[in-house]
């Protein structure tokens, strides 16, 4: 065999690290469940989009095109959520630096090590993408779906997964963050998507005065959803004319944003791979200095430690103090709160200056609040999923179990302390909606003639506020109860799992499945069932935000009587709070009964 061919085969196709990861991951039930759940979610999305009253060929073609668009956006969204799940193991290897030291003593070159970790884990994401190919072919059978759109959809999704995976491997190779990097990784992905989408909404310009079609912006190739929108929704979001774009780079960036996104993703991934291979050669240098440099964020602030009240449950006090009075905890929550409030104020200010229209105001507010809720949910999952497993790994759980505290108060203290730690973060989307509600109630702080919008419902028109004034209070109730449920899910897997990373991955997958099912069912009910549909829509916090900002899209069946729709959302808020709190109480009782048996079963296996 020629030397070049042998080198290429060992570099990627026959890379021993990639082969080991693929063979090992292919036997894990968790990966099987993730693949099955992903495909099931795509099938449900397709079926919901294809359901309709008419059966003419033209209507089937239109519904096929709509279904393809829905499934395409859903696929990119799930890929952005699931890729960090598959790459979490690579990030977590920073916690065991000896793994890299041992690999460097083998005949493998640094480039082989980096590429093996990258494509060995990325293989499962690409397998997810290929599993949906029959669904896309099915939509093409109805007509209205060009083959080029399918190719671009897969190219954008694969490029998104490649970039996310390359960043994860880079974090692992540079050993920056360890287990904390899993949460930072998730939050960073969501923040980038939300910020670029919000900036794009601000920069959009209509094709012509009064036109509903906007031109792509400088942000389009930086966001997979924007790039996909320029391909599938070109009647509303249109690339530039190549003759008017200027030089070759401007033509690529503005006239072909989907191609620019794919090329940019490939280039960034190549740079990260090369950097990781070079950095891997010096990974063992000055480990103690790197450890000291990375641990200062977790140090407690001594001036504040003596000013906290312990209360009746010492576990709650310990959980709240351990996380809340550290430099990293205060900086993280403070930055999150200030950024969220500043974004809300900027949105209403741009609307008051008529830079954003009514639709842009509500869409930008929806993007900001939804991103904040996702960050809160992921933070709660990460904190809860590591709350018990971390203590098992460092041995402190054995010490706690020798005290008189019982499983019930122990778990209740974990729940109470984590929720109290998250309260400042949970207030951010509530305050954002409160600012928008106050802005609407005061007619734009006195700068608008009206703060209402006319919604077309069926054959009639209904006048609704730009933002429902009660939205902030309703979201606060649902978000608090839902966050408690998320914390209990994280605690459940933290008790059952041997390690922190396994607990985080399992908890994230379960919450995605539950929240996705509740969201899909609530969205379908809101569109078709009067009254009760509005109540069911309020079961999920993000669905509730959509209904408060876009009632004509979320709950059109209930808008025949606007008062009925608003009462439906209010009643649904109470039902949602009761549902999530009931699940929390039930899970707490179950975990309390099985806690000691589970802990004994996993004793010594960390």
Protein backbone atom coordinates (compact mmCIF):
# COMPACT_ATOMS: atom_id res chain seq x y z
CA UNK A 1 0.00 0.00 0.00
CA UNK A 2 1.41 3.44 -0.87
CA UNK A 3 2.66 5.42 2.12
CA UNK A 4 0.33 8.34 1.43
CA UNK A 5 -2.74 6.10 1.33
CA UNK A 6 -1.70 4.37 4.55
CA UNK A 7 -1.16 7.76 6.23
CA UNK A 8 -4.57 9.01 5.11
CA UNK A 9 -6.38 5.86 6.29
CA UNK A 10 -4.76 6.05 9.72
CA UNK A 11 -5.46 9.76 9.92
CA UNK A 12 -9.25 9.42 9.67
CA UNK A 13 -11.07 6.34 8.28
CA UNK A 14 -9.04 3.79 10.30
CA UNK A 15 -8.10 6.14 13.13
CA UNK A 16 -7.92 3.89 16.23
CA UNK A 17 -9.46 6.54 18.51
CA UNK A 18 -12.38 7.12 16.13
CA UNK A 19 -12.91 3.37 15.70
CA UNK A 20 -12.90 2.85 19.47
CA UNK A 21 -15.39 5.67 20.07
CA UNK A 22 -17.74 4.50 17.32
CA UNK A 23 -17.64 0.85 18.45
CA UNK A 24 -18.08 1.76 22.12
CA UNK A 25 -20.81 4.36 21.59
CA UNK A 26 -22.70 2.13 19.19
CA UNK A 27 -23.28 -0.37 22.01
CA UNK A 28 -24.62 2.17 24.51
CA UNK A 29 -28.34 2.26 25.14
CA UNK A 30 -28.21 6.02 25.80
CA UNK A 31 -27.08 6.69 22.24
CA UNK A 32 -29.78 4.35 20.92
CA UNK A 33 -32.44 6.21 22.89
CA UNK A 34 -31.14 9.57 21.65
CA UNK A 35 -31.19 8.44 18.02
CA UNK A 36 -34.65 6.92 18.39
CA UNK A 37 -36.02 10.00 20.16
CA UNK A 38 -34.54 12.31 17.55
CA UNK A 39 -36.09 10.37 14.68
CA UNK A 40 -39.42 10.12 16.51
CA UNK A 41 -39.46 13.91 17.06
CA UNK A 42 -38.80 14.50 13.36
CA UNK A 43 -41.59 12.09 12.38
CA UNK A 44 -44.05 13.80 14.74
CA UNK A 45 -43.12 17.23 13.33
CA UNK A 46 -43.66 15.95 9.79
CA UNK A 47 -47.04 14.36 10.55
CA UNK A 48 -48.32 17.45 12.36
CA UNK A 49 -47.29 19.64 9.43
CA UNK A 50 -48.91 17.36 6.82
CA UNK A 51 -52.29 17.10 8.57
CA UNK A 52 -54.92 19.21 6.84
CA UNK A 53 -58.56 19.18 5.74
CA UNK A 54 -58.06 19.36 1.97
CA UNK A 55 -56.59 16.60 -0.21
CA UNK A 56 -56.10 18.34 -3.55
CA UNK A 57 -52.70 18.04 -5.20
CA UNK A 58 -52.04 21.76 -4.87
CA UNK A 59 -52.80 21.74 -1.16
CA UNK A 60 -50.66 18.64 -0.67
CA UNK A 61 -47.76 20.37 -2.43
CA UNK A 62 -48.14 23.44 -0.22
CA UNK A 63 -48.33 21.35 2.93
CA UNK A 64 -45.34 19.29 1.76
CA UNK A 65 -43.28 22.47 1.35
CA UNK A 66 -44.43 23.74 4.77
CA UNK A 67 -43.63 20.39 6.35
CA UNK A 68 -40.17 20.38 4.78
CA UNK A 69 -39.50 23.87 6.15
CA UNK A 70 -40.69 22.92 9.64
CA UNK A 71 -38.67 19.70 9.73
CA UNK A 72 -35.58 21.49 8.41
CA UNK A 73 -35.64 24.14 11.13
CA UNK A 74 -36.43 21.47 13.72
CA UNK A 75 -33.49 19.39 12.55
CA UNK A 76 -31.02 22.26 12.84
CA UNK A 77 -32.39 23.13 16.29
CA UNK A 78 -32.07 19.57 17.55
CA UNK A 79 -28.57 19.25 16.09
CA UNK A 80 -27.49 22.39 17.98
CA UNK A 81 -28.93 20.91 21.19
CA UNK A 82 -27.75 17.31 20.77
CA UNK A 83 -24.22 17.89 19.44
CA UNK A 84 -23.01 19.23 22.83
CA UNK A 85 -24.55 16.11 24.43
CA UNK A 86 -22.40 13.80 22.29
CA UNK A 87 -19.35 16.03 22.74
CA UNK A 88 -19.68 16.38 26.53
CA UNK A 89 -17.40 13.38 27.03
CA UNK A 90 -14.62 15.06 25.08
CA UNK A 91 -14.91 18.22 27.19
CA UNK A 92 -14.94 16.22 30.42
CA UNK A 93 -11.60 14.57 29.62
CA UNK A 94 -9.97 17.78 30.87
CA UNK A 95 -10.85 16.54 34.37
CA UNK A 96 -8.47 13.59 33.78
CA UNK A 97 -5.35 15.07 32.17
CA UNK A 98 -3.53 11.74 32.42
CA UNK A 99 -5.67 10.52 29.50
CA UNK A 100 -3.92 12.96 27.19
CA UNK A 101 -0.51 12.24 28.71
CA UNK A 102 -0.95 8.52 28.01
CA UNK A 103 -2.11 9.17 24.43
CA UNK A 104 1.01 11.25 23.78
CA UNK A 105 3.20 8.24 24.64
CA UNK A 106 1.59 6.14 21.86
CA UNK A 107 2.68 6.16 18.19
CA UNK A 108 -0.33 8.36 17.40
CA UNK A 109 0.47 11.84 16.18
CA UNK A 110 -1.29 14.88 17.73
CA UNK A 111 -3.31 15.43 14.56
CA UNK A 112 -4.54 11.83 14.68
CA UNK A 113 -5.54 12.23 18.33
CA UNK A 114 -7.52 15.42 17.68
CA UNK A 115 -9.22 14.15 14.52
CA UNK A 116 -10.01 10.81 16.17
CA UNK A 117 -11.78 12.51 19.08
CA UNK A 118 -13.55 14.91 16.72
CA UNK A 119 -14.92 12.53 14.11
CA UNK A 120 -15.33 9.58 16.47
CA UNK A 121 -17.95 11.58 18.40
CA UNK A 122 -19.24 13.52 15.40
CA UNK A 123 -20.10 10.25 13.68
CA UNK A 124 -23.21 9.85 15.85
CA UNK A 125 -24.44 13.34 14.96
CA UNK A 126 -23.96 12.67 11.25
CA UNK A 127 -25.83 9.38 11.71
CA UNK A 128 -28.73 11.38 13.16
CA UNK A 129 -28.74 13.59 10.08
CA UNK A 130 -28.76 10.66 7.67
CA UNK A 131 -31.63 8.98 9.54
CA UNK A 132 -33.98 11.79 8.47
CA UNK A 133 -33.13 11.53 4.76
CA UNK A 134 -36.21 9.32 4.01
CA UNK A 135 -38.44 11.97 5.64
CA UNK A 136 -37.07 14.67 3.36
CA UNK A 137 -37.54 12.43 0.34
CA UNK A 138 -41.13 11.88 1.43
CA UNK A 139 -41.81 15.62 1.49
CA UNK A 140 -40.36 15.91 -2.02
CA UNK A 141 -42.90 13.35 -3.25
CA UNK A 142 -45.70 15.82 -2.50
CA UNK A 143 -44.10 18.45 -4.73
CA UNK A 144 -43.01 21.98 -3.93
CA UNK A 145 -39.64 20.92 -2.43
CA UNK A 146 -36.64 21.32 -4.77
CA UNK A 147 -33.73 18.94 -4.40
CA UNK A 148 -31.28 21.81 -3.95
CA UNK A 149 -33.06 22.90 -0.77
CA UNK A 150 -32.58 19.42 0.72
CA UNK A 151 -28.85 19.56 -0.06
CA UNK A 152 -28.49 22.98 1.53
CA UNK A 153 -30.45 21.89 4.59
CA UNK A 154 -28.09 18.96 5.19
CA UNK A 155 -25.00 21.06 4.46
CA UNK A 156 -26.02 23.73 6.98
CA UNK A 157 -26.89 21.16 9.67
CA UNK A 158 -23.64 19.23 9.12
CA UNK A 159 -21.57 22.42 9.18
CA UNK A 160 -23.25 23.49 12.44
CA UNK A 161 -22.45 20.13 14.03
CA UNK A 162 -18.85 20.27 12.79
CA UNK A 163 -18.21 23.71 14.30
CA UNK A 164 -19.78 22.79 17.65
CA UNK A 165 -17.79 19.54 17.76
CA UNK A 166 -14.52 21.30 16.88
CA UNK A 167 -15.05 23.83 19.67
CA UNK A 168 -15.71 20.98 22.13
CA UNK A 169 -12.52 19.14 21.19
CA UNK A 170 -10.56 22.38 21.45
CA UNK A 171 -11.88 22.90 24.99
CA UNK A 172 -10.82 19.35 25.83
CA UNK A 173 -7.32 19.69 24.35
CA UNK A 174 -6.61 23.05 26.00
CA UNK A 175 -8.02 21.73 29.30
CA UNK A 176 -9.94 24.95 29.97
CA UNK A 177 -12.92 24.52 32.23
CA UNK A 178 -13.32 20.78 32.78
CA UNK A 179 -16.80 19.78 33.84
CA UNK A 180 -17.87 23.43 34.17
CA UNK A 181 -17.12 23.84 30.47
CA UNK A 182 -20.10 21.62 29.59
CA UNK A 183 -22.49 24.29 30.93
CA UNK A 184 -20.44 27.13 29.44
CA UNK A 185 -20.44 25.26 26.15
CA UNK A 186 -24.23 24.98 26.11
CA UNK A 187 -24.78 28.59 27.17
CA UNK A 188 -22.24 29.84 24.63
CA UNK A 189 -23.99 28.05 21.74
CA UNK A 190 -27.41 29.41 22.74
CA UNK A 191 -26.06 32.92 23.35
CA UNK A 192 -24.39 33.07 19.95
CA UNK A 193 -27.59 31.97 18.21
CA UNK A 194 -29.75 34.45 20.13
CA UNK A 195 -27.37 37.42 19.77
CA UNK A 196 -26.79 36.98 16.04
CA UNK A 197 -30.52 36.51 15.39
CA UNK A 198 -31.42 39.62 17.42
CA UNK A 199 -28.72 41.67 15.67
CA UNK A 200 -30.00 40.46 12.30
CA UNK A 201 -33.54 41.63 13.16
CA UNK A 202 -32.16 45.05 13.98
CA UNK A 203 -30.09 45.30 10.79
CA UNK A 204 -32.73 44.05 8.34
CA UNK A 205 -33.75 46.41 5.56
CA UNK A 206 -36.73 45.89 3.22
CA UNK A 207 -36.09 45.17 -0.44
CA UNK A 208 -38.18 48.23 -1.31
CA UNK A 209 -40.15 50.76 0.76
CA UNK A 210 -43.25 49.10 2.19
CA UNK A 211 -42.15 45.59 1.18
CA UNK A 212 -42.51 42.70 3.64
CA UNK A 213 -39.37 41.02 2.20
CA UNK A 214 -36.04 41.84 3.85
CA UNK A 215 -32.50 41.53 2.56
CA UNK A 216 -29.91 39.36 4.25
CA UNK A 217 -27.50 41.09 6.62
CA UNK A 218 -23.90 40.69 7.75
CA UNK A 219 -25.17 38.34 10.50
CA UNK A 220 -26.81 35.82 8.17
CA UNK A 221 -23.77 33.56 7.53
CA UNK A 222 -23.04 33.51 11.29
CA UNK A 223 -26.29 31.79 12.28
CA UNK A 224 -27.52 28.44 10.88
CA UNK A 225 -31.18 29.42 11.28
CA UNK A 226 -30.65 32.66 9.33
CA UNK A 227 -28.75 30.82 6.60
CA UNK A 228 -31.53 28.24 6.38
CA UNK A 229 -34.15 31.00 6.32
CA UNK A 230 -32.43 32.61 3.33
CA UNK A 231 -32.78 29.29 1.46
CA UNK A 232 -36.26 28.15 2.48
CA UNK A 233 -38.06 31.46 3.11
CA UNK A 234 -36.61 33.57 0.32
CA UNK A 235 -39.99 35.22 -0.22
CA UNK A 236 -39.54 36.92 3.17
CA UNK A 237 -35.75 36.89 3.60
CA UNK A 238 -33.98 37.38 0.31
CA UNK A 239 -30.24 37.26 -0.50
CA UNK A 240 -28.72 40.20 -2.33
CA UNK A 241 -28.42 40.43 -6.09
CA UNK A 242 -24.83 39.32 -6.92
CA UNK A 243 -24.36 42.29 -9.24
CA UNK A 244 -25.11 44.71 -6.37
CA UNK A 245 -23.01 42.98 -3.70
CA UNK A 246 -19.56 44.22 -4.77
CA UNK A 247 -16.37 42.11 -4.55
CA UNK A 248 -16.16 38.32 -4.42
CA UNK A 249 -16.24 38.21 -0.62
CA UNK A 250 -19.31 40.46 -0.48
CA UNK A 251 -20.98 38.37 -3.19
CA UNK A 252 -20.34 35.21 -1.19
CA UNK A 253 -21.38 36.77 2.13
CA UNK A 254 -24.54 38.61 1.05
CA UNK A 255 -25.63 36.91 -2.16
CA UNK A 256 -24.93 33.31 -1.07
CA UNK A 257 -25.19 33.31 2.76
CA UNK A 258 -25.82 29.55 2.95
CA UNK A 259 -22.60 28.82 1.04
CA UNK A 260 -20.76 31.38 3.16
CA UNK A 261 -21.98 29.64 6.34
CA UNK A 262 -20.76 26.25 5.10
CA UNK A 263 -17.36 27.58 4.03
CA UNK A 264 -16.99 29.58 7.25
CA UNK A 265 -17.85 26.52 9.34
CA UNK A 266 -15.31 24.39 7.51
CA UNK A 267 -12.62 27.04 7.84
CA UNK A 268 -13.19 27.66 11.54
CA UNK A 269 -13.19 23.90 12.21
CA UNK A 270 -9.92 23.45 10.30
CA UNK A 271 -8.27 26.26 12.27
CA UNK A 272 -9.45 24.77 15.57
CA UNK A 273 -8.19 21.30 14.61
CA UNK A 274 -4.74 22.65 13.68
CA UNK A 275 -4.62 24.72 16.87
CA UNK A 276 -5.60 21.65 18.93
CA UNK A 277 -2.91 19.53 17.31
CA UNK A 278 -0.24 22.17 18.02
CA UNK A 279 -1.52 22.78 21.56
CA UNK A 280 -1.54 19.06 22.32
CA UNK A 281 2.26 18.99 22.22
CA UNK A 282 2.51 21.28 25.26
CA UNK A 283 -0.52 20.01 27.17
CA UNK A 284 1.55 18.76 30.11
CA UNK A 285 3.45 22.01 30.70
CA UNK A 286 2.90 23.93 33.97
CA UNK A 287 -0.18 21.98 35.14
CA UNK A 288 -0.16 23.52 38.62
CA UNK A 289 -0.13 27.08 37.27
CA UNK A 290 -3.04 26.27 34.95
CA UNK A 291 -4.92 24.72 37.84
CA UNK A 292 -4.43 27.79 40.02
CA UNK A 293 -5.41 30.09 37.16
CA UNK A 294 -8.65 28.21 36.46
CA UNK A 295 -9.81 27.77 40.04
CA UNK A 296 -10.03 31.37 41.26
CA UNK A 297 -13.57 31.77 39.96
CA UNK A 298 -14.74 29.08 42.37
CA UNK A 299 -13.24 30.70 45.47
CA UNK A 300 -15.73 31.92 48.07
CA UNK A 301 -15.87 35.59 49.00
CA UNK A 302 -14.83 35.55 52.63
CA UNK A 303 -16.41 38.92 53.42
CA UNK A 304 -19.87 37.55 52.64
CA UNK A 305 -19.65 34.04 54.07
CA UNK A 306 -20.52 35.09 57.63
CA UNK A 307 -23.52 37.22 56.63
CA UNK A 308 -25.80 34.45 55.39
CA UNK A 309 -28.54 32.95 57.53
CA UNK A 310 -28.37 29.15 57.77
CA UNK A 311 -32.08 28.60 58.31
CA UNK A 312 -33.85 25.36 59.21
CA UNK A 313 -32.20 23.22 56.51
CA UNK A 314 -28.39 23.25 56.51
CA UNK A 315 -28.23 21.47 53.13
CA UNK A 316 -30.13 24.34 51.49
CA UNK A 317 -27.80 26.83 53.16
CA UNK A 318 -24.73 24.88 52.02
CA UNK A 319 -25.97 24.58 48.44
CA UNK A 320 -26.90 28.25 48.26
CA UNK A 321 -23.67 29.44 49.91
CA UNK A 322 -21.41 27.07 48.01
CA UNK A 323 -22.57 28.38 44.65
CA UNK A 324 -23.92 31.85 45.36
CA UNK A 325 -21.00 33.41 47.26
CA UNK A 326 -18.23 32.59 44.81
CA UNK A 327 -16.59 35.02 42.44
CA UNK A 328 -17.71 33.06 39.39
CA UNK A 329 -21.28 32.71 40.66
CA UNK A 330 -21.70 36.42 41.35
CA UNK A 331 -20.08 37.50 38.08
CA UNK A 332 -22.09 34.99 36.03
CA UNK A 333 -25.48 35.86 37.50
CA UNK A 334 -24.75 39.59 37.50
CA UNK A 335 -23.67 39.60 33.86
CA UNK A 336 -26.72 37.54 32.88
CA UNK A 337 -29.09 39.90 34.69
CA UNK A 338 -27.53 43.09 33.36
CA UNK A 339 -27.40 41.76 29.80
CA UNK A 340 -31.04 40.61 29.86
CA UNK A 341 -32.37 43.92 31.21
CA UNK A 342 -30.18 45.92 28.81
CA UNK A 343 -31.47 43.91 25.84
CA UNK A 344 -35.10 44.48 26.88
CA UNK A 345 -34.52 48.22 27.24
CA UNK A 346 -32.74 48.34 23.88
CA UNK A 347 -35.64 46.57 22.16
CA UNK A 348 -38.29 48.98 23.45
CA UNK A 349 -36.01 51.95 22.70
CA UNK A 350 -35.55 50.82 19.09
CA UNK A 351 -39.32 50.42 18.74
CA UNK A 352 -39.93 53.89 20.20
CA UNK A 353 -37.51 55.33 17.63
CA UNK A 354 -39.37 53.32 14.93
CA UNK A 355 -36.24 51.35 14.07
CA UNK A 356 -38.23 48.20 14.90
CA UNK A 357 -41.84 47.83 13.79
CA UNK A 358 -44.51 46.10 15.87
CA UNK A 359 -43.62 42.67 14.49
CA UNK A 360 -39.90 43.28 15.05
CA UNK A 361 -40.52 44.34 18.64
CA UNK A 362 -42.41 41.17 19.49
CA UNK A 363 -40.04 38.90 17.56
CA UNK A 364 -36.92 40.39 19.18
CA UNK A 365 -38.52 40.16 22.62
CA UNK A 366 -39.49 36.54 21.97
CA UNK A 367 -35.93 35.66 20.91
CA UNK A 368 -34.44 37.32 23.99
CA UNK A 369 -36.86 35.84 26.53
CA UNK A 370 -36.77 32.35 24.98
CA UNK A 371 -32.95 32.38 25.04
CA UNK A 372 -33.00 33.46 28.70
CA UNK A 373 -35.40 30.65 29.61
CA UNK A 374 -33.20 28.11 27.81
CA UNK A 375 -30.10 29.35 29.65
CA UNK A 376 -31.94 29.13 32.99
CA UNK A 377 -33.12 25.60 32.20
CA UNK A 378 -29.64 24.40 31.20
CA UNK A 379 -28.07 26.05 34.24
CA UNK A 380 -30.60 24.37 36.53
CA UNK A 381 -29.94 21.01 34.87
CA UNK A 382 -26.18 21.34 35.17
CA UNK A 383 -26.27 22.42 38.82
CA UNK A 384 -28.81 19.77 39.86
CA UNK A 385 -27.24 16.94 37.87
CA UNK A 386 -23.89 17.53 39.58
CA UNK A 387 -25.27 18.27 43.06
CA UNK A 388 -25.09 14.68 44.37
CA UNK A 389 -22.72 13.02 41.88
CA UNK A 390 -20.07 15.63 42.66
CA UNK A 391 -20.31 14.83 46.36
CA UNK A 392 -20.07 11.11 45.55
CA UNK A 393 -16.94 11.69 43.48
CA UNK A 394 -15.11 13.80 46.09
CA UNK A 395 -16.22 11.63 49.02
CA UNK A 396 -18.21 14.30 50.88
CA UNK A 397 -21.46 12.34 50.43
CA UNK A 398 -20.12 9.60 52.71
CA UNK A 399 -19.47 12.20 55.40
CA UNK A 400 -22.95 13.74 55.02
CA UNK A 401 -24.58 10.33 55.36
CA UNK A 402 -22.93 9.84 58.77
CA UNK A 403 -24.85 12.87 60.13
CA UNK A 404 -28.44 12.66 61.50
CA UNK A 405 -29.90 14.24 58.34
CA UNK A 406 -32.42 12.02 56.53
CA UNK A 407 -32.95 11.57 52.74
CA UNK A 408 -36.13 13.68 52.72
CA UNK A 409 -34.62 16.85 54.23
CA UNK A 410 -31.40 16.26 52.26
CA UNK A 411 -33.23 16.24 48.90
CA UNK A 412 -35.55 19.08 49.94
CA UNK A 413 -32.52 21.13 50.93
CA UNK A 414 -30.88 20.49 47.57
CA UNK A 415 -34.05 21.59 45.78
CA UNK A 416 -34.55 24.66 47.96
CA UNK A 417 -30.93 25.80 47.76
CA UNK A 418 -30.67 25.43 43.99
CA UNK A 419 -33.97 27.22 43.34
CA UNK A 420 -32.91 30.08 45.65
CA UNK A 421 -29.62 30.32 43.76
CA UNK A 422 -31.52 30.53 40.45
CA UNK A 423 -34.06 33.15 41.56
CA UNK A 424 -31.98 36.15 40.31
CA UNK A 425 -31.71 34.47 36.92
CA UNK A 426 -35.42 33.59 36.80
CA UNK A 427 -36.26 37.24 37.39
CA UNK A 428 -34.51 38.31 34.17
CA UNK A 429 -37.16 37.13 31.63
CA UNK A 430 -39.90 38.29 34.02
CA UNK A 431 -38.38 41.77 34.25
CA UNK A 432 -37.87 41.84 30.46
CA UNK A 433 -41.56 41.11 29.87
CA UNK A 434 -42.44 43.57 32.63
CA UNK A 435 -40.50 46.34 30.87
CA UNK A 436 -42.30 45.57 27.61
CA UNK A 437 -45.69 45.44 29.38
CA UNK A 438 -45.04 48.81 31.06
CA UNK A 439 -43.95 50.23 27.71
CA UNK A 440 -47.19 49.06 26.10
CA UNK A 441 -49.38 50.21 29.03
CA UNK A 442 -47.94 53.74 28.86
CA UNK A 443 -48.27 53.93 25.05
CA UNK A 444 -44.53 53.77 24.50
CA UNK A 445 -43.74 55.95 27.53
CA UNK A 446 -45.89 58.63 25.91
CA UNK A 447 -44.21 58.44 22.52
CA UNK A 448 -46.76 56.33 20.59
CA UNK A 449 -50.27 57.03 19.42
CA UNK A 450 -51.30 53.45 20.19
CA UNK A 451 -49.70 50.30 21.54
CA UNK A 452 -52.07 47.76 20.04
CA UNK A 453 -52.00 45.56 16.98
CA UNK A 454 -54.78 44.21 14.79
CA UNK A 455 -54.65 40.42 14.47
CA UNK A 456 -56.38 38.61 11.60
CA UNK A 457 -58.28 35.59 12.93
CA UNK A 458 -60.31 33.62 10.40
CA UNK A 459 -62.48 36.13 8.56
CA UNK A 460 -62.36 38.75 11.31
CA UNK A 461 -59.89 41.15 12.90
CA UNK A 462 -59.18 41.36 16.63
CA UNK A 463 -57.39 44.23 18.36
CA UNK A 464 -54.85 43.04 20.97
CA UNK A 465 -52.09 44.74 23.01
CA UNK A 466 -48.59 44.42 21.61
CA UNK A 467 -47.72 42.51 24.79
CA UNK A 468 -50.34 41.11 27.13
CA UNK A 469 -49.95 43.09 30.38
CA UNK A 470 -50.35 39.99 32.56
CA UNK A 471 -47.64 38.07 30.67
CA UNK A 472 -44.84 38.84 33.14
CA UNK A 473 -46.79 37.51 36.14
CA UNK A 474 -47.93 34.37 34.29
CA UNK A 475 -44.43 33.58 33.03
CA UNK A 476 -43.04 34.08 36.55
CA UNK A 477 -45.44 31.47 37.98
CA UNK A 478 -44.91 28.88 35.23
CA UNK A 479 -41.14 29.38 35.04
CA UNK A 480 -40.69 28.96 38.81
CA UNK A 481 -42.68 25.71 38.87
CA UNK A 482 -41.01 24.39 35.72
CA UNK A 483 -37.54 25.20 37.07
CA UNK A 484 -38.35 23.24 40.24
CA UNK A 485 -39.28 20.26 38.07
CA UNK A 486 -36.05 20.61 36.07
CA UNK A 487 -34.03 20.66 39.30
CA UNK A 488 -35.74 17.47 40.49
CA UNK A 489 -34.97 15.74 37.18
CA UNK A 490 -31.33 16.73 37.54
CA UNK A 491 -31.24 15.48 41.14
CA UNK A 492 -32.79 12.18 40.10
CA UNK A 493 -30.08 11.49 37.53
CA UNK A 494 -27.39 12.86 39.82
CA UNK A 495 -28.33 10.18 42.37
CA UNK A 496 -28.59 7.37 39.80
CA UNK A 497 -25.52 8.16 37.68
CA UNK A 498 -21.96 7.21 38.52
CA UNK A 499 -20.44 10.43 37.19
CA UNK A 500 -21.36 14.08 36.74
CA UNK A 501 -21.14 14.09 32.96
CA UNK A 502 -23.40 11.06 32.58
CA UNK A 503 -25.93 12.70 34.90
CA UNK A 504 -25.90 15.97 32.92
CA UNK A 505 -26.30 14.21 29.57
CA UNK A 506 -29.17 12.01 30.78
CA UNK A 507 -30.99 14.91 32.47
CA UNK A 508 -30.66 17.17 29.42
CA UNK A 509 -31.99 14.45 27.12
CA UNK A 510 -34.99 13.72 29.36
CA UNK A 511 -35.95 17.38 29.79
CA UNK A 512 -35.63 18.00 26.04
CA UNK A 513 -37.98 15.08 25.39
CA UNK A 514 -40.55 16.16 28.01
CA UNK A 515 -40.43 19.86 27.14
CA UNK A 516 -40.61 19.04 23.41
CA UNK A 517 -43.66 16.81 23.87
CA UNK A 518 -45.42 19.40 26.05
CA UNK A 519 -44.54 22.16 23.61
CA UNK A 520 -45.75 20.29 20.52
CA UNK A 521 -49.01 19.19 22.16
CA UNK A 522 -49.65 22.66 23.57
CA UNK A 523 -48.95 24.35 20.24
CA UNK A 524 -51.28 21.97 18.38
CA UNK A 525 -54.05 22.41 20.98
CA UNK A 526 -53.75 26.20 20.92
CA UNK A 527 -54.29 26.30 17.17
CA UNK A 528 -57.35 24.04 17.09
CA UNK A 529 -59.19 23.97 20.46
CA UNK A 530 -61.05 27.11 21.66
CA UNK A 531 -60.57 28.07 25.31
CA UNK A 532 -58.98 24.85 26.50
CA UNK A 533 -56.28 25.17 23.84
CA UNK A 534 -55.13 28.46 25.37
CA UNK A 535 -54.93 26.79 28.79
CA UNK A 536 -52.88 23.89 27.41
CA UNK A 537 -50.54 26.30 25.63
CA UNK A 538 -49.58 27.79 29.00
CA UNK A 539 -48.15 24.47 30.26
CA UNK A 540 -44.72 25.32 28.81
CA UNK A 541 -42.97 28.62 29.62
CA UNK A 542 -41.78 29.27 26.05
CA UNK A 543 -45.21 28.44 24.58
CA UNK A 544 -46.71 30.87 27.08
CA UNK A 545 -44.33 33.62 25.94
CA UNK A 546 -45.24 32.94 22.29
CA UNK A 547 -48.96 33.15 23.14
CA UNK A 548 -48.47 36.43 25.01
CA UNK A 549 -46.60 38.02 22.09
CA UNK A 550 -48.18 36.33 19.05
CA UNK A 551 -51.69 35.22 20.10
CA UNK A 552 -52.93 35.07 16.50
CA UNK A 553 -50.29 32.44 15.71
CA UNK A 554 -50.30 30.53 19.01
CA UNK A 555 -53.99 30.50 20.06
CA UNK A 556 -56.07 31.54 17.02
CA UNK A 557 -58.94 29.20 17.98
CA UNK A 558 -59.52 31.14 21.23
CA UNK A 559 -59.33 34.67 19.82
CA UNK A 560 -62.96 34.81 18.75
CA UNK A 561 -63.42 36.30 22.20
CA UNK A 562 -60.15 37.97 23.32
CA UNK A 563 -61.26 37.88 26.95
CA UNK A 564 -61.75 34.10 26.70
CA UNK A 565 -58.23 33.67 25.35
CA UNK A 566 -56.70 35.74 28.14
CA UNK A 567 -58.69 33.93 30.82
CA UNK A 568 -57.63 30.65 29.23
CA UNK A 569 -53.96 31.61 29.57
CA UNK A 570 -54.52 32.64 33.19
CA UNK A 571 -56.24 29.35 34.05
CA UNK A 572 -53.56 27.44 32.15
CA UNK A 573 -50.91 29.20 34.25
CA UNK A 574 -52.47 27.83 37.42
CA UNK A 575 -52.83 24.37 35.88
CA UNK A 576 -49.19 24.41 34.76
CA UNK A 577 -48.01 25.43 38.22
CA UNK A 578 -50.07 22.65 39.79
CA UNK A 579 -48.79 20.08 37.27
CA UNK A 580 -45.08 20.86 37.68
CA UNK A 581 -45.32 21.21 41.45
CA UNK A 582 -47.23 17.91 41.66
CA UNK A 583 -44.46 16.22 39.67
CA UNK A 584 -41.87 17.73 42.00
CA UNK A 585 -43.67 16.40 45.07
CA UNK A 586 -44.11 12.95 43.51
CA UNK A 587 -40.47 12.72 42.41
CA UNK A 588 -39.29 13.88 45.83
CA UNK A 589 -41.31 11.14 47.52
CA UNK A 590 -39.97 8.47 45.16
CA UNK A 591 -36.35 9.60 45.52
CA UNK A 592 -36.72 9.75 49.30
CA UNK A 593 -37.81 6.10 49.40
CA UNK A 594 -35.10 4.81 47.05
CA UNK A 595 -32.25 7.14 48.05
CA UNK A 596 -30.39 4.86 50.47
CA UNK A 597 -30.65 1.78 48.24
CA UNK A 598 -29.34 3.70 45.23
CA UNK A 599 -26.49 5.27 47.16
CA UNK A 600 -25.40 1.90 48.55
CA UNK A 601 -25.59 0.35 45.07
CA UNK A 602 -23.25 3.00 43.63
CA UNK A 603 -20.95 3.18 46.64
CA UNK A 604 -17.32 2.97 45.57
CA UNK A 605 -18.12 3.08 41.83
CA UNK A 606 -17.27 6.73 41.19
